[in-house]
Amino acid sequence: MVKSRYKEDRGGLYKVRERKSAKSPHAMGEANIGGKLYFIAAWTKVNEYSGEKYMNLVFREKPEEE
């Protein structure tokens, strides 16, 4: 079992106040999914056909601390 501030299958995403470059994510956070911790990065995008805004998410498993 991993230590996390989030209950299982929950997480948080927070706005990045100062992006380092245009490719940096707009939001970052972490989630506890199935008892494993994941880093989350999110970019706000606009659908080129409908004009609707959406968030593109990337999940990366957080290494276990020993």
N, C-alpha and C. Protein backbone atom coordinates (compact mmCIF):
# COMPACT_ATOMS: atom_id res chain seq x y z
N MET A 1 0.85 -1.19 0.00
CA MET A 1 0.00 0.00 0.00
C MET A 1 0.89 1.24 0.00
N VAL A 2 0.56 2.20 -0.83
CA VAL A 2 1.35 3.42 -0.92
C VAL A 2 0.74 4.50 -0.03
N LYS A 3 1.60 5.39 0.44
CA LYS A 3 1.12 6.55 1.21
C LYS A 3 0.76 7.64 0.21
N SER A 4 -0.45 8.15 0.36
CA SER A 4 -0.92 9.21 -0.53
C SER A 4 -1.90 10.08 0.23
N ARG A 5 -1.99 11.33 -0.16
CA ARG A 5 -2.99 12.21 0.45
C ARG A 5 -4.38 11.93 -0.11
N TYR A 6 -4.44 11.11 -1.17
CA TYR A 6 -5.70 10.80 -1.83
C TYR A 6 -6.14 9.38 -1.54
N LYS A 7 -7.44 9.20 -1.39
CA LYS A 7 -7.99 7.86 -1.26
C LYS A 7 -7.82 7.14 -2.59
N GLU A 8 -7.97 5.82 -2.58
CA GLU A 8 -7.81 5.05 -3.81
C GLU A 8 -8.80 5.51 -4.89
N ASP A 9 -8.30 5.57 -6.11
CA ASP A 9 -9.05 6.01 -7.29
C ASP A 9 -9.48 7.47 -7.21
N ARG A 10 -8.66 8.28 -6.57
CA ARG A 10 -8.88 9.73 -6.47
C ARG A 10 -7.57 10.45 -6.75
N GLY A 11 -7.65 11.73 -7.07
CA GLY A 11 -6.45 12.51 -7.31
C GLY A 11 -6.78 13.99 -7.37
N GLY A 12 -5.75 14.77 -7.65
CA GLY A 12 -5.91 16.21 -7.74
C GLY A 12 -5.09 16.78 -8.88
N LEU A 13 -5.62 17.82 -9.49
CA LEU A 13 -4.97 18.49 -10.60
C LEU A 13 -4.95 19.97 -10.29
N TYR A 14 -3.79 20.59 -10.38
CA TYR A 14 -3.63 21.99 -9.98
C TYR A 14 -3.04 22.80 -11.14
N LYS A 15 -3.55 24.02 -11.30
CA LYS A 15 -3.09 24.90 -12.36
C LYS A 15 -1.62 25.26 -12.14
N VAL A 16 -0.83 25.22 -13.21
CA VAL A 16 0.57 25.63 -13.16
C VAL A 16 0.60 27.15 -13.29
N ARG A 17 1.15 27.81 -12.29
CA ARG A 17 1.13 29.28 -12.28
C ARG A 17 2.11 29.88 -13.26
N GLU A 18 3.30 29.30 -13.36
CA GLU A 18 4.31 29.82 -14.29
C GLU A 18 4.84 28.69 -15.15
N ARG A 19 4.36 28.63 -16.39
CA ARG A 19 4.83 27.61 -17.32
C ARG A 19 6.23 27.97 -17.80
N LYS A 20 7.11 26.98 -17.92
CA LYS A 20 8.49 27.23 -18.31
C LYS A 20 8.64 27.42 -19.82
N SER A 21 7.73 26.82 -20.59
CA SER A 21 7.75 26.99 -22.05
C SER A 21 6.34 26.77 -22.59
N ALA A 22 6.16 26.97 -23.87
CA ALA A 22 4.84 26.78 -24.50
C ALA A 22 4.43 25.31 -24.48
N LYS A 23 5.40 24.40 -24.33
CA LYS A 23 5.10 22.97 -24.30
C LYS A 23 4.84 22.45 -22.89
N SER A 24 5.04 23.28 -21.88
CA SER A 24 4.80 22.86 -20.49
C SER A 24 3.31 22.67 -20.25
N PRO A 25 2.95 21.74 -19.35
CA PRO A 25 1.53 21.52 -19.07
C PRO A 25 0.87 22.72 -18.41
N HIS A 26 -0.44 22.85 -18.62
CA HIS A 26 -1.23 23.91 -17.99
C HIS A 26 -1.59 23.54 -16.56
N ALA A 27 -1.63 22.23 -16.25
CA ALA A 27 -1.96 21.76 -14.90
C ALA A 27 -1.17 20.49 -14.61
N MET A 28 -0.89 20.27 -13.32
CA MET A 28 -0.16 19.07 -12.89
C MET A 28 -0.75 18.58 -11.58
N GLY A 29 -0.54 17.31 -11.28
CA GLY A 29 -1.02 16.77 -10.03
C GLY A 29 -0.62 15.32 -9.89
N GLU A 30 -1.35 14.61 -9.01
CA GLU A 30 -1.10 13.19 -8.82
C GLU A 30 -2.41 12.49 -8.50
N ALA A 31 -2.39 11.16 -8.70
CA ALA A 31 -3.58 10.36 -8.42
C ALA A 31 -3.16 9.02 -7.84
N ASN A 32 -4.03 8.44 -7.04
CA ASN A 32 -3.85 7.10 -6.48
C ASN A 32 -4.83 6.21 -7.23
N ILE A 33 -4.31 5.41 -8.16
CA ILE A 33 -5.16 4.56 -8.99
C ILE A 33 -4.77 3.10 -8.74
N GLY A 34 -5.70 2.35 -8.22
CA GLY A 34 -5.46 0.94 -7.93
C GLY A 34 -4.35 0.72 -6.93
N GLY A 35 -4.14 1.69 -6.03
CA GLY A 35 -3.11 1.57 -5.01
C GLY A 35 -1.73 2.00 -5.48
N LYS A 36 -1.61 2.51 -6.72
CA LYS A 36 -0.34 3.01 -7.24
C LYS A 36 -0.45 4.51 -7.45
N LEU A 37 0.64 5.23 -7.22
CA LEU A 37 0.65 6.68 -7.42
C LEU A 37 1.08 7.01 -8.84
N TYR A 38 0.41 8.00 -9.41
CA TYR A 38 0.72 8.47 -10.76
C TYR A 38 0.85 9.98 -10.76
N PHE A 39 1.82 10.48 -11.53
CA PHE A 39 1.90 11.91 -11.83
C PHE A 39 0.90 12.17 -12.96
N ILE A 40 0.26 13.34 -12.93
CA ILE A 40 -0.66 13.73 -14.01
C ILE A 40 -0.19 15.06 -14.57
N ALA A 41 -0.16 15.16 -15.90
CA ALA A 41 0.10 16.44 -16.57
C ALA A 41 -1.07 16.68 -17.52
N ALA A 42 -1.52 17.93 -17.63
CA ALA A 42 -2.68 18.24 -18.47
C ALA A 42 -2.44 19.50 -19.29
N TRP A 43 -2.87 19.45 -20.54
CA TRP A 43 -2.78 20.59 -21.43
C TRP A 43 -4.18 20.95 -21.90
N THR A 44 -4.52 22.23 -21.88
CA THR A 44 -5.81 22.69 -22.39
C THR A 44 -5.67 22.86 -23.89
N LYS A 45 -6.59 22.26 -24.63
CA LYS A 45 -6.56 22.32 -26.09
C LYS A 45 -7.93 22.72 -26.61
N VAL A 46 -8.00 23.02 -27.89
CA VAL A 46 -9.26 23.37 -28.55
C VAL A 46 -9.45 22.43 -29.73
N ASN A 47 -10.63 21.79 -29.79
CA ASN A 47 -10.94 20.90 -30.90
C ASN A 47 -11.04 21.73 -32.17
N GLU A 48 -10.27 21.35 -33.18
CA GLU A 48 -10.21 22.15 -34.40
C GLU A 48 -11.52 22.14 -35.20
N TYR A 49 -12.38 21.15 -35.00
CA TYR A 49 -13.63 21.07 -35.75
C TYR A 49 -14.79 21.75 -35.02
N SER A 50 -14.92 21.48 -33.70
CA SER A 50 -16.07 22.00 -32.96
C SER A 50 -15.76 23.28 -32.21
N GLY A 51 -14.47 23.55 -31.97
CA GLY A 51 -14.09 24.73 -31.20
C GLY A 51 -14.21 24.53 -29.70
N GLU A 52 -14.61 23.31 -29.27
CA GLU A 52 -14.76 23.03 -27.84
C GLU A 52 -13.40 22.86 -27.18
N LYS A 53 -13.29 23.36 -25.95
CA LYS A 53 -12.08 23.19 -25.16
C LYS A 53 -12.11 21.82 -24.49
N TYR A 54 -10.94 21.21 -24.37
CA TYR A 54 -10.81 19.94 -23.66
C TYR A 54 -9.43 19.88 -23.03
N MET A 55 -9.22 18.89 -22.17
CA MET A 55 -7.91 18.71 -21.53
C MET A 55 -7.31 17.40 -22.00
N ASN A 56 -6.08 17.45 -22.47
CA ASN A 56 -5.31 16.29 -22.87
C ASN A 56 -4.48 15.87 -21.65
N LEU A 57 -4.64 14.62 -21.18
CA LEU A 57 -3.99 14.16 -19.95
C LEU A 57 -2.91 13.12 -20.24
N VAL A 58 -1.85 13.16 -19.43
CA VAL A 58 -0.80 12.15 -19.47
C VAL A 58 -0.60 11.65 -18.04
N PHE A 59 -0.62 10.33 -17.86
CA PHE A 59 -0.38 9.71 -16.56
C PHE A 59 0.96 8.98 -16.63
N ARG A 60 1.79 9.18 -15.61
CA ARG A 60 3.09 8.52 -15.54
C ARG A 60 3.24 7.95 -14.13
N GLU A 61 3.54 6.65 -14.03
CA GLU A 61 3.65 6.02 -12.72
C GLU A 61 4.79 6.64 -11.92
N LYS A 62 4.48 6.97 -10.67
CA LYS A 62 5.45 7.57 -9.77
C LYS A 62 6.33 6.46 -9.18
N PRO A 63 7.66 6.61 -9.22
CA PRO A 63 8.52 5.56 -8.65
C PRO A 63 8.26 5.40 -7.16
N GLU A 64 8.32 4.15 -6.68
CA GLU A 64 8.13 3.88 -5.27
C GLU A 64 9.31 4.39 -4.48
N GLU A 65 9.02 5.04 -3.36
CA GLU A 65 10.08 5.53 -2.47
C GLU A 65 10.51 4.40 -1.56
N GLU A 66 11.80 4.26 -1.39
CA GLU A 66 12.31 3.19 -0.52
C GLU A 66 12.87 3.74 0.75
